[in-house]
Amino acid sequence: MLCRKHQVLFFSAANNTYWRTHDRELQCNNLHCYCHNFHIIKNYINNTKYTLDLCMYLFTSEEIAQTVLDAHLRGIKIRIITDFEMSHSSGSKMEVFQSHGIQVRFKKATNCLMHHKFCLLDANTENGVLMTGSLNLTMQAVAGNWDNAIFTTQTDLIQQFQQEFNRIWSSFD
């Protein structure tokens, strides 16, 4: 995996005019450029070998969705937990994931949001990585909000987030 021990990405609304003209395929070295940070997120997913457990309030990003679908096609076991309302919002990728056989769960009929934003990559291996922070996987979040994503290989944190993921997974439909 790419994460040495910890890595932090910052997304800035200050770049929201820049992203409209930026070539997303370019490898940008600006640490606050959404393209630079987007490539890092995609690289983590692309380097996953076994499992990807994603707990995300809102997921509308076409590029990250394609990266997740590519991982699924490579045989990566993917499980996604999301908020019921957001799973049916405009641009949500949950139906796309489900149509490709990816397991997606959410809790129906609740007055409480599933507001987590974390991802576990190969969590049960020595190369496990946790991504967490304020970032939803949307273009608004990466190019129009002040957001962050933290990556860590710290085993005790990965285990705690895996336990939380499994707890929610078993309690959602």
N, C-alpha and C. Protein backbone atom coordinates (compact mmCIF):
# COMPACT_ATOMS: atom_id res chain seq x y z
N MET A 1 0.84 -1.19 0.00
CA MET A 1 0.00 0.00 0.00
C MET A 1 0.88 1.25 0.00
N LEU A 2 0.28 2.37 -0.27
CA LEU A 2 1.01 3.62 -0.39
C LEU A 2 1.32 4.28 0.94
N CYS A 3 0.47 4.09 1.92
CA CYS A 3 0.58 4.78 3.19
C CYS A 3 1.80 4.28 3.96
N ARG A 4 2.68 5.17 4.30
CA ARG A 4 3.87 4.81 5.06
C ARG A 4 3.46 4.45 6.48
N LYS A 5 2.80 5.29 7.14
CA LYS A 5 2.23 5.08 8.46
C LYS A 5 0.97 5.92 8.58
N HIS A 6 1.11 7.21 8.25
CA HIS A 6 -0.03 8.12 8.25
C HIS A 6 0.13 9.07 7.07
N GLN A 7 -0.98 9.47 6.51
CA GLN A 7 -0.98 10.45 5.43
C GLN A 7 -2.27 11.25 5.53
N VAL A 8 -2.17 12.55 5.35
CA VAL A 8 -3.33 13.42 5.44
C VAL A 8 -3.49 14.17 4.12
N LEU A 9 -4.72 14.18 3.61
CA LEU A 9 -5.05 14.95 2.42
C LEU A 9 -6.02 16.06 2.82
N PHE A 10 -5.78 17.26 2.30
CA PHE A 10 -6.68 18.38 2.55
C PHE A 10 -7.30 18.81 1.23
N PHE A 11 -8.58 19.01 1.26
CA PHE A 11 -9.32 19.47 0.09
C PHE A 11 -9.81 20.88 0.40
N SER A 12 -9.68 21.76 -0.57
CA SER A 12 -9.93 23.16 -0.31
C SER A 12 -10.93 23.75 -1.29
N ALA A 13 -11.91 24.45 -0.74
CA ALA A 13 -12.87 25.15 -1.59
C ALA A 13 -12.18 26.24 -2.40
N ALA A 14 -10.98 26.63 -1.99
CA ALA A 14 -10.24 27.66 -2.73
C ALA A 14 -9.87 27.18 -4.13
N ASN A 15 -9.88 25.87 -4.35
CA ASN A 15 -9.53 25.32 -5.66
C ASN A 15 -10.76 25.06 -6.52
N ASN A 16 -11.93 25.53 -6.10
CA ASN A 16 -13.15 25.16 -6.82
C ASN A 16 -13.27 25.76 -8.21
N THR A 17 -12.53 26.80 -8.53
CA THR A 17 -12.55 27.29 -9.91
C THR A 17 -11.46 26.59 -10.72
N TYR A 18 -10.40 26.17 -10.07
CA TYR A 18 -9.29 25.50 -10.73
C TYR A 18 -9.70 24.15 -11.31
N TRP A 19 -10.51 23.39 -10.58
CA TRP A 19 -10.84 22.02 -11.00
C TRP A 19 -11.63 21.98 -12.28
N ARG A 20 -12.35 23.02 -12.62
CA ARG A 20 -13.16 23.02 -13.83
C ARG A 20 -12.31 22.99 -15.10
N THR A 21 -11.08 23.51 -15.02
CA THR A 21 -10.23 23.58 -16.20
C THR A 21 -9.05 22.62 -16.13
N HIS A 22 -8.88 21.96 -15.01
CA HIS A 22 -7.73 21.08 -14.79
C HIS A 22 -7.95 19.74 -15.48
N ASP A 23 -6.94 19.24 -16.16
CA ASP A 23 -6.98 17.92 -16.77
C ASP A 23 -6.81 16.88 -15.67
N ARG A 24 -7.85 16.10 -15.38
CA ARG A 24 -7.82 15.15 -14.27
C ARG A 24 -6.80 14.04 -14.46
N GLU A 25 -6.40 13.81 -15.67
CA GLU A 25 -5.45 12.73 -15.92
C GLU A 25 -4.00 13.15 -15.64
N LEU A 26 -3.77 14.45 -15.49
CA LEU A 26 -2.42 14.93 -15.20
C LEU A 26 -2.02 14.53 -13.78
N GLN A 27 -0.77 14.21 -13.60
CA GLN A 27 -0.25 13.97 -12.27
C GLN A 27 0.20 15.31 -11.69
N CYS A 28 -0.63 15.90 -10.86
CA CYS A 28 -0.39 17.22 -10.31
C CYS A 28 0.43 17.08 -9.02
N ASN A 29 1.35 18.00 -8.80
CA ASN A 29 2.17 17.98 -7.59
C ASN A 29 1.71 18.99 -6.55
N ASN A 30 0.64 19.74 -6.83
CA ASN A 30 0.10 20.69 -5.87
C ASN A 30 -0.65 19.90 -4.79
N LEU A 31 -0.16 19.91 -3.56
CA LEU A 31 -0.73 19.10 -2.49
C LEU A 31 -2.17 19.47 -2.14
N HIS A 32 -2.62 20.63 -2.56
CA HIS A 32 -3.99 21.04 -2.28
C HIS A 32 -4.88 20.91 -3.51
N CYS A 33 -4.32 20.45 -4.59
CA CYS A 33 -5.10 20.25 -5.82
C CYS A 33 -5.96 19.00 -5.68
N TYR A 34 -7.21 19.11 -6.04
CA TYR A 34 -8.08 17.95 -5.90
C TYR A 34 -7.61 16.80 -6.78
N CYS A 35 -7.01 17.11 -7.94
CA CYS A 35 -6.54 16.03 -8.83
C CYS A 35 -5.44 15.22 -8.16
N HIS A 36 -4.52 15.91 -7.52
CA HIS A 36 -3.44 15.24 -6.79
C HIS A 36 -4.03 14.30 -5.74
N ASN A 37 -4.96 14.81 -4.95
CA ASN A 37 -5.55 14.02 -3.87
C ASN A 37 -6.46 12.91 -4.39
N PHE A 38 -7.16 13.19 -5.48
CA PHE A 38 -8.00 12.19 -6.11
C PHE A 38 -7.16 10.99 -6.57
N HIS A 39 -6.03 11.27 -7.17
CA HIS A 39 -5.14 10.20 -7.63
C HIS A 39 -4.65 9.36 -6.46
N ILE A 40 -4.38 10.01 -5.34
CA ILE A 40 -3.92 9.26 -4.16
C ILE A 40 -5.02 8.30 -3.69
N ILE A 41 -6.24 8.78 -3.59
CA ILE A 41 -7.36 7.92 -3.18
C ILE A 41 -7.53 6.76 -4.16
N LYS A 42 -7.52 7.06 -5.44
CA LYS A 42 -7.66 6.01 -6.45
C LYS A 42 -6.51 5.00 -6.37
N ASN A 43 -5.30 5.46 -6.08
CA ASN A 43 -4.16 4.56 -5.95
C ASN A 43 -4.31 3.60 -4.77
N TYR A 44 -4.83 4.11 -3.65
CA TYR A 44 -5.09 3.22 -2.52
C TYR A 44 -6.06 2.11 -2.93
N ILE A 45 -7.13 2.47 -3.60
CA ILE A 45 -8.12 1.47 -4.03
C ILE A 45 -7.50 0.53 -5.06
N ASN A 46 -6.76 1.07 -5.99
CA ASN A 46 -6.12 0.24 -7.02
C ASN A 46 -5.10 -0.73 -6.44
N ASN A 47 -4.50 -0.40 -5.31
CA ASN A 47 -3.50 -1.26 -4.69
C ASN A 47 -4.09 -2.25 -3.70
N THR A 48 -5.40 -2.21 -3.51
CA THR A 48 -6.06 -3.15 -2.62
C THR A 48 -6.03 -4.54 -3.26
N LYS A 49 -5.73 -5.54 -2.44
CA LYS A 49 -5.59 -6.90 -2.97
C LYS A 49 -6.73 -7.83 -2.58
N TYR A 50 -7.39 -7.58 -1.44
CA TYR A 50 -8.36 -8.56 -0.93
C TYR A 50 -9.74 -7.98 -0.62
N THR A 51 -9.79 -6.97 0.25
CA THR A 51 -11.08 -6.47 0.72
C THR A 51 -11.13 -4.95 0.75
N LEU A 52 -12.33 -4.44 0.53
CA LEU A 52 -12.61 -3.01 0.65
C LEU A 52 -13.95 -2.89 1.35
N ASP A 53 -13.93 -2.38 2.58
CA ASP A 53 -15.15 -2.13 3.34
C ASP A 53 -15.32 -0.63 3.41
N LEU A 54 -16.41 -0.13 2.84
CA LEU A 54 -16.63 1.30 2.71
C LEU A 54 -17.89 1.69 3.47
N CYS A 55 -17.77 2.64 4.36
CA CYS A 55 -18.88 3.17 5.13
C CYS A 55 -18.93 4.66 4.81
N MET A 56 -19.87 5.07 3.95
CA MET A 56 -19.84 6.42 3.38
C MET A 56 -21.25 7.00 3.34
N TYR A 57 -21.40 8.18 3.90
CA TYR A 57 -22.69 8.86 3.92
C TYR A 57 -23.20 9.13 2.50
N LEU A 58 -22.34 9.71 1.65
CA LEU A 58 -22.75 10.07 0.30
C LEU A 58 -21.63 9.72 -0.68
N PHE A 59 -21.99 9.07 -1.78
CA PHE A 59 -21.02 8.64 -2.78
C PHE A 59 -21.61 8.91 -4.16
N THR A 60 -21.09 9.97 -4.83
CA THR A 60 -21.56 10.31 -6.17
C THR A 60 -20.43 10.44 -7.19
N SER A 61 -19.20 10.29 -6.77
CA SER A 61 -18.06 10.49 -7.67
C SER A 61 -17.99 9.39 -8.74
N GLU A 62 -18.08 9.80 -10.00
CA GLU A 62 -17.97 8.86 -11.12
C GLU A 62 -16.61 8.18 -11.14
N GLU A 63 -15.55 8.97 -10.95
CA GLU A 63 -14.19 8.43 -11.04
C GLU A 63 -13.89 7.41 -9.95
N ILE A 64 -14.24 7.74 -8.72
CA ILE A 64 -13.99 6.80 -7.63
C ILE A 64 -14.90 5.58 -7.78
N ALA A 65 -16.13 5.79 -8.23
CA ALA A 65 -17.03 4.65 -8.46
C ALA A 65 -16.43 3.69 -9.49
N GLN A 66 -15.88 4.23 -10.56
CA GLN A 66 -15.26 3.37 -11.57
C GLN A 66 -14.06 2.61 -11.00
N THR A 67 -13.30 3.27 -10.14
CA THR A 67 -12.16 2.62 -9.49
C THR A 67 -12.64 1.48 -8.59
N VAL A 68 -13.73 1.70 -7.87
CA VAL A 68 -14.31 0.65 -7.03
C VAL A 68 -14.83 -0.50 -7.90
N LEU A 69 -15.50 -0.18 -8.98
CA LEU A 69 -15.99 -1.23 -9.89
C LEU A 69 -14.83 -2.03 -10.49
N ASP A 70 -13.76 -1.35 -10.85
CA ASP A 70 -12.57 -2.04 -11.37
C ASP A 70 -12.00 -2.99 -10.32
N ALA A 71 -11.99 -2.55 -9.06
CA ALA A 71 -11.50 -3.42 -7.98
C ALA A 71 -12.41 -4.65 -7.85
N HIS A 72 -13.70 -4.45 -7.95
CA HIS A 72 -14.65 -5.55 -7.89
C HIS A 72 -14.37 -6.55 -9.02
N LEU A 73 -14.12 -6.04 -10.22
CA LEU A 73 -13.82 -6.90 -11.36
C LEU A 73 -12.50 -7.64 -11.20
N ARG A 74 -11.58 -7.10 -10.40
CA ARG A 74 -10.31 -7.77 -10.09
C ARG A 74 -10.49 -8.86 -9.02
N GLY A 75 -11.70 -8.95 -8.47
CA GLY A 75 -11.96 -9.99 -7.47
C GLY A 75 -11.87 -9.50 -6.04
N ILE A 76 -11.75 -8.20 -5.83
CA ILE A 76 -11.71 -7.66 -4.48
C ILE A 76 -13.10 -7.80 -3.88
N LYS A 77 -13.18 -8.29 -2.64
CA LYS A 77 -14.46 -8.40 -1.94
C LYS A 77 -14.82 -7.00 -1.41
N ILE A 78 -15.97 -6.48 -1.85
CA ILE A 78 -16.37 -5.13 -1.49
C ILE A 78 -17.71 -5.17 -0.77
N ARG A 79 -17.77 -4.45 0.35
CA ARG A 79 -19.01 -4.27 1.10
C ARG A 79 -19.16 -2.77 1.35
N ILE A 80 -20.37 -2.26 1.13
CA ILE A 80 -20.61 -0.83 1.29
C ILE A 80 -21.80 -0.61 2.22
N ILE A 81 -21.60 0.29 3.17
CA ILE A 81 -22.68 0.75 4.05
C ILE A 81 -22.88 2.23 3.74
N THR A 82 -24.15 2.62 3.58
CA THR A 82 -24.44 4.02 3.29
C THR A 82 -25.74 4.43 3.98
N ASP A 83 -26.05 5.69 3.92
CA ASP A 83 -27.29 6.23 4.46
C ASP A 83 -28.43 5.93 3.49
N PHE A 84 -29.58 5.53 4.01
CA PHE A 84 -30.71 5.18 3.15
C PHE A 84 -31.13 6.34 2.26
N GLU A 85 -31.35 7.51 2.83
CA GLU A 85 -31.78 8.66 2.03
C GLU A 85 -30.74 9.01 0.96
N MET A 86 -29.48 9.02 1.34
CA MET A 86 -28.42 9.38 0.40
C MET A 86 -28.22 8.33 -0.68
N SER A 87 -28.55 7.07 -0.37
CA SER A 87 -28.41 6.02 -1.38
C SER A 87 -29.39 6.22 -2.54
N HIS A 88 -30.43 7.00 -2.30
CA HIS A 88 -31.43 7.27 -3.33
C HIS A 88 -31.38 8.71 -3.83
N SER A 89 -30.35 9.44 -3.44
CA SER A 89 -30.23 10.83 -3.87
C SER A 89 -29.69 10.91 -5.29
N SER A 90 -29.84 12.06 -5.88
CA SER A 90 -29.38 12.28 -7.25
C SER A 90 -27.88 12.03 -7.37
N GLY A 91 -27.50 11.19 -8.30
CA GLY A 91 -26.09 10.91 -8.55
C GLY A 91 -25.48 9.81 -7.70
N SER A 92 -26.23 9.28 -6.74
CA SER A 92 -25.70 8.21 -5.89
C SER A 92 -25.28 7.02 -6.75
N LYS A 93 -24.19 6.41 -6.39
CA LYS A 93 -23.65 5.26 -7.14
C LYS A 93 -24.09 3.91 -6.57
N MET A 94 -24.96 3.92 -5.56
CA MET A 94 -25.32 2.66 -4.91
C MET A 94 -26.05 1.70 -5.83
N GLU A 95 -26.96 2.19 -6.66
CA GLU A 95 -27.66 1.29 -7.59
C GLU A 95 -26.69 0.71 -8.61
N VAL A 96 -25.72 1.51 -9.04
CA VAL A 96 -24.70 1.01 -9.97
C VAL A 96 -23.91 -0.11 -9.31
N PHE A 97 -23.50 0.11 -8.07
CA PHE A 97 -22.75 -0.93 -7.37
C PHE A 97 -23.58 -2.20 -7.22
N GLN A 98 -24.81 -2.05 -6.79
CA GLN A 98 -25.68 -3.22 -6.61
C GLN A 98 -25.90 -3.96 -7.93
N SER A 99 -26.05 -3.22 -9.01
CA SER A 99 -26.28 -3.87 -10.31
C SER A 99 -25.07 -4.67 -10.77
N HIS A 100 -23.90 -4.38 -10.21
CA HIS A 100 -22.69 -5.14 -10.52
C HIS A 100 -22.38 -6.22 -9.48
N GLY A 101 -23.31 -6.44 -8.56
CA GLY A 101 -23.14 -7.51 -7.58
C GLY A 101 -22.39 -7.11 -6.33
N ILE A 102 -22.15 -5.83 -6.12
CA ILE A 102 -21.49 -5.37 -4.89
C ILE A 102 -22.56 -5.27 -3.81
N GLN A 103 -22.24 -5.79 -2.63
CA GLN A 103 -23.17 -5.76 -1.52
C GLN A 103 -23.24 -4.34 -0.94
N VAL A 104 -24.46 -3.81 -0.85
CA VAL A 104 -24.69 -2.48 -0.28
C VAL A 104 -25.77 -2.62 0.79
N ARG A 105 -25.53 -2.04 1.96
CA ARG A 105 -26.52 -2.08 3.02
C ARG A 105 -26.79 -0.67 3.55
N PHE A 106 -28.02 -0.48 3.97
CA PHE A 106 -28.44 0.76 4.62
C PHE A 106 -29.61 0.41 5.53
N LYS A 107 -29.90 1.29 6.45
CA LYS A 107 -30.99 1.05 7.39
C LYS A 107 -32.22 1.83 6.93
N LYS A 108 -33.30 1.12 6.67
CA LYS A 108 -34.56 1.76 6.29
C LYS A 108 -35.30 2.22 7.54
N ALA A 109 -36.17 3.20 7.35
CA ALA A 109 -37.08 3.66 8.40
C ALA A 109 -36.34 4.01 9.70
N THR A 110 -35.47 4.95 9.61
CA THR A 110 -34.77 5.41 10.81
C THR A 110 -34.76 6.93 10.82
N ASN A 111 -34.73 7.51 11.98
CA ASN A 111 -34.65 8.96 12.09
C ASN A 111 -33.22 9.41 12.36
N CYS A 112 -32.30 8.52 12.12
CA CYS A 112 -30.89 8.78 12.42
C CYS A 112 -30.06 8.59 11.15
N LEU A 113 -29.15 9.51 10.90
CA LEU A 113 -28.29 9.41 9.72
C LEU A 113 -27.17 8.38 9.92
N MET A 114 -26.81 7.70 8.87
CA MET A 114 -25.57 6.92 8.86
C MET A 114 -24.54 7.89 8.27
N HIS A 115 -23.84 8.59 9.14
CA HIS A 115 -23.02 9.73 8.74
C HIS A 115 -21.53 9.41 8.74
N HIS A 116 -21.15 8.17 8.97
CA HIS A 116 -19.74 7.79 8.93
C HIS A 116 -19.14 8.06 7.55
N LYS A 117 -17.82 8.26 7.56
CA LYS A 117 -17.07 8.41 6.32
C LYS A 117 -15.72 7.73 6.54
N PHE A 118 -15.68 6.43 6.28
CA PHE A 118 -14.42 5.71 6.40
C PHE A 118 -14.36 4.54 5.44
N CYS A 119 -13.16 4.11 5.16
CA CYS A 119 -12.91 3.01 4.24
C CYS A 119 -11.78 2.16 4.80
N LEU A 120 -11.98 0.85 4.78
CA LEU A 120 -10.97 -0.11 5.22
C LEU A 120 -10.48 -0.88 4.01
N LEU A 121 -9.20 -0.83 3.78
CA LEU A 121 -8.58 -1.49 2.62
C LEU A 121 -7.68 -2.61 3.13
N ASP A 122 -8.00 -3.84 2.77
CA ASP A 122 -7.22 -5.00 3.22
C ASP A 122 -7.02 -4.97 4.74
N ALA A 123 -8.07 -4.66 5.47
CA ALA A 123 -7.98 -4.41 6.91
C ALA A 123 -7.44 -5.59 7.70
N ASN A 124 -7.69 -6.81 7.26
CA ASN A 124 -7.27 -7.98 8.02
C ASN A 124 -5.93 -8.54 7.56
N THR A 125 -5.13 -7.68 6.95
CA THR A 125 -3.80 -8.09 6.51
C THR A 125 -2.76 -7.16 7.13
N GLU A 126 -1.51 -7.52 7.00
CA GLU A 126 -0.44 -6.67 7.53
C GLU A 126 -0.30 -5.37 6.74
N ASN A 127 -0.91 -5.31 5.56
CA ASN A 127 -0.87 -4.10 4.73
C ASN A 127 -2.16 -3.29 4.82
N GLY A 128 -2.96 -3.50 5.87
CA GLY A 128 -4.23 -2.82 6.01
C GLY A 128 -4.08 -1.31 6.12
N VAL A 129 -5.07 -0.61 5.56
CA VAL A 129 -5.10 0.85 5.60
C VAL A 129 -6.51 1.30 5.95
N LEU A 130 -6.58 2.32 6.78
CA LEU A 130 -7.84 2.98 7.12
C LEU A 130 -7.82 4.38 6.52
N MET A 131 -8.91 4.74 5.83
CA MET A 131 -9.12 6.12 5.41
C MET A 131 -10.33 6.63 6.17
N THR A 132 -10.20 7.77 6.82
CA THR A 132 -11.31 8.39 7.52
C THR A 132 -11.14 9.90 7.49
N GLY A 133 -12.17 10.61 7.86
CA GLY A 133 -12.13 12.07 7.87
C GLY A 133 -13.49 12.63 7.55
N SER A 134 -13.52 13.86 7.07
CA SER A 134 -14.79 14.53 6.77
C SER A 134 -15.25 14.32 5.34
N LEU A 135 -14.43 13.69 4.53
CA LEU A 135 -14.65 13.60 3.09
C LEU A 135 -15.74 12.61 2.69
N ASN A 136 -16.78 13.10 2.00
CA ASN A 136 -17.69 12.24 1.24
C ASN A 136 -17.06 12.04 -0.12
N LEU A 137 -17.36 10.94 -0.77
CA LEU A 137 -16.79 10.68 -2.10
C LEU A 137 -17.68 11.31 -3.17
N THR A 138 -17.60 12.64 -3.23
CA THR A 138 -18.36 13.43 -4.19
C THR A 138 -17.44 14.48 -4.79
N MET A 139 -17.78 14.98 -5.97
CA MET A 139 -17.01 16.07 -6.57
C MET A 139 -17.13 17.34 -5.75
N GLN A 140 -18.29 17.57 -5.15
CA GLN A 140 -18.46 18.74 -4.29
C GLN A 140 -17.47 18.69 -3.14
N ALA A 141 -17.30 17.51 -2.54
CA ALA A 141 -16.40 17.39 -1.40
C ALA A 141 -14.94 17.60 -1.79
N VAL A 142 -14.53 17.00 -2.91
CA VAL A 142 -13.11 17.09 -3.28
C VAL A 142 -12.74 18.41 -3.93
N ALA A 143 -13.70 19.09 -4.55
CA ALA A 143 -13.35 20.30 -5.28
C ALA A 143 -14.09 21.55 -4.81
N GLY A 144 -15.03 21.41 -3.90
CA GLY A 144 -15.80 22.57 -3.52
C GLY A 144 -15.97 22.76 -2.03
N ASN A 145 -15.47 21.85 -1.23
CA ASN A 145 -15.60 21.94 0.23
C ASN A 145 -14.21 22.01 0.86
N TRP A 146 -14.20 22.39 2.11
CA TRP A 146 -13.01 22.27 2.94
C TRP A 146 -13.17 20.92 3.65
N ASP A 147 -12.42 19.92 3.21
CA ASP A 147 -12.54 18.57 3.74
C ASP A 147 -11.16 17.96 3.95
N ASN A 148 -11.15 16.81 4.61
CA ASN A 148 -9.89 16.11 4.83
C ASN A 148 -10.11 14.61 4.78
N ALA A 149 -9.03 13.91 4.52
CA ALA A 149 -9.01 12.45 4.59
C ALA A 149 -7.68 12.05 5.23
N ILE A 150 -7.75 11.18 6.18
CA ILE A 150 -6.57 10.68 6.88
C ILE A 150 -6.42 9.21 6.56
N PHE A 151 -5.23 8.81 6.17
CA PHE A 151 -4.90 7.40 5.93
C PHE A 151 -3.93 6.96 7.01
N THR A 152 -4.16 5.77 7.54
CA THR A 152 -3.24 5.25 8.55
C THR A 152 -3.12 3.73 8.42
N THR A 153 -1.97 3.24 8.81
CA THR A 153 -1.75 1.79 8.88
C THR A 153 -1.71 1.34 10.35
N GLN A 154 -2.11 2.22 11.25
CA GLN A 154 -2.08 1.91 12.68
C GLN A 154 -3.09 0.80 12.99
N THR A 155 -2.58 -0.34 13.36
CA THR A 155 -3.37 -1.56 13.50
C THR A 155 -4.52 -1.42 14.49
N ASP A 156 -4.29 -0.80 15.64
CA ASP A 156 -5.37 -0.71 16.63
C ASP A 156 -6.53 0.15 16.13
N LEU A 157 -6.24 1.19 15.35
CA LEU A 157 -7.31 2.00 14.77
C LEU A 157 -8.05 1.22 13.69
N ILE A 158 -7.30 0.52 12.85
CA ILE A 158 -7.93 -0.30 11.81
C ILE A 158 -8.87 -1.32 12.44
N GLN A 159 -8.43 -1.98 13.50
CA GLN A 159 -9.26 -2.99 14.16
C GLN A 159 -10.53 -2.40 14.75
N GLN A 160 -10.41 -1.20 15.36
CA GLN A 160 -11.59 -0.56 15.94
C GLN A 160 -12.60 -0.18 14.86
N PHE A 161 -12.12 0.35 13.74
CA PHE A 161 -13.02 0.71 12.65
C PHE A 161 -13.60 -0.54 12.00
N GLN A 162 -12.83 -1.62 11.92
CA GLN A 162 -13.37 -2.87 11.36
C GLN A 162 -14.48 -3.41 12.25
N GLN A 163 -14.29 -3.34 13.57
CA GLN A 163 -15.34 -3.77 14.49
C GLN A 163 -16.60 -2.94 14.32
N GLU A 164 -16.44 -1.62 14.16
CA GLU A 164 -17.60 -0.75 13.95
C GLU A 164 -18.28 -1.07 12.63
N PHE A 165 -17.49 -1.28 11.59
CA PHE A 165 -18.07 -1.65 10.30
C PHE A 165 -18.88 -2.94 10.43
N ASN A 166 -18.28 -3.96 11.04
CA ASN A 166 -18.97 -5.24 11.19
C ASN A 166 -20.23 -5.13 12.04
N ARG A 167 -20.19 -4.30 13.09
CA ARG A 167 -21.36 -4.08 13.94
C ARG A 167 -22.51 -3.48 13.13
N ILE A 168 -22.19 -2.44 12.34
CA ILE A 168 -23.23 -1.79 11.53
C ILE A 168 -23.71 -2.75 10.44
N TRP A 169 -22.77 -3.43 9.79
CA TRP A 169 -23.11 -4.36 8.71
C TRP A 169 -24.13 -5.39 9.18
N SER A 170 -23.89 -5.95 10.37
CA SER A 170 -24.79 -7.00 10.85
C SER A 170 -26.13 -6.44 11.33
N SER A 171 -26.21 -5.15 11.62
CA SER A 171 -27.48 -4.59 12.09
C SER A 171 -28.30 -3.93 10.97
N PHE A 172 -27.69 -3.72 9.80
CA PHE A 172 -28.41 -3.10 8.67
C PHE A 172 -28.97 -4.20 7.78
N ASP A 173 -30.03 -3.85 7.04
CA ASP A 173 -30.69 -4.80 6.13
C ASP A 173 -29.77 -5.26 5.05
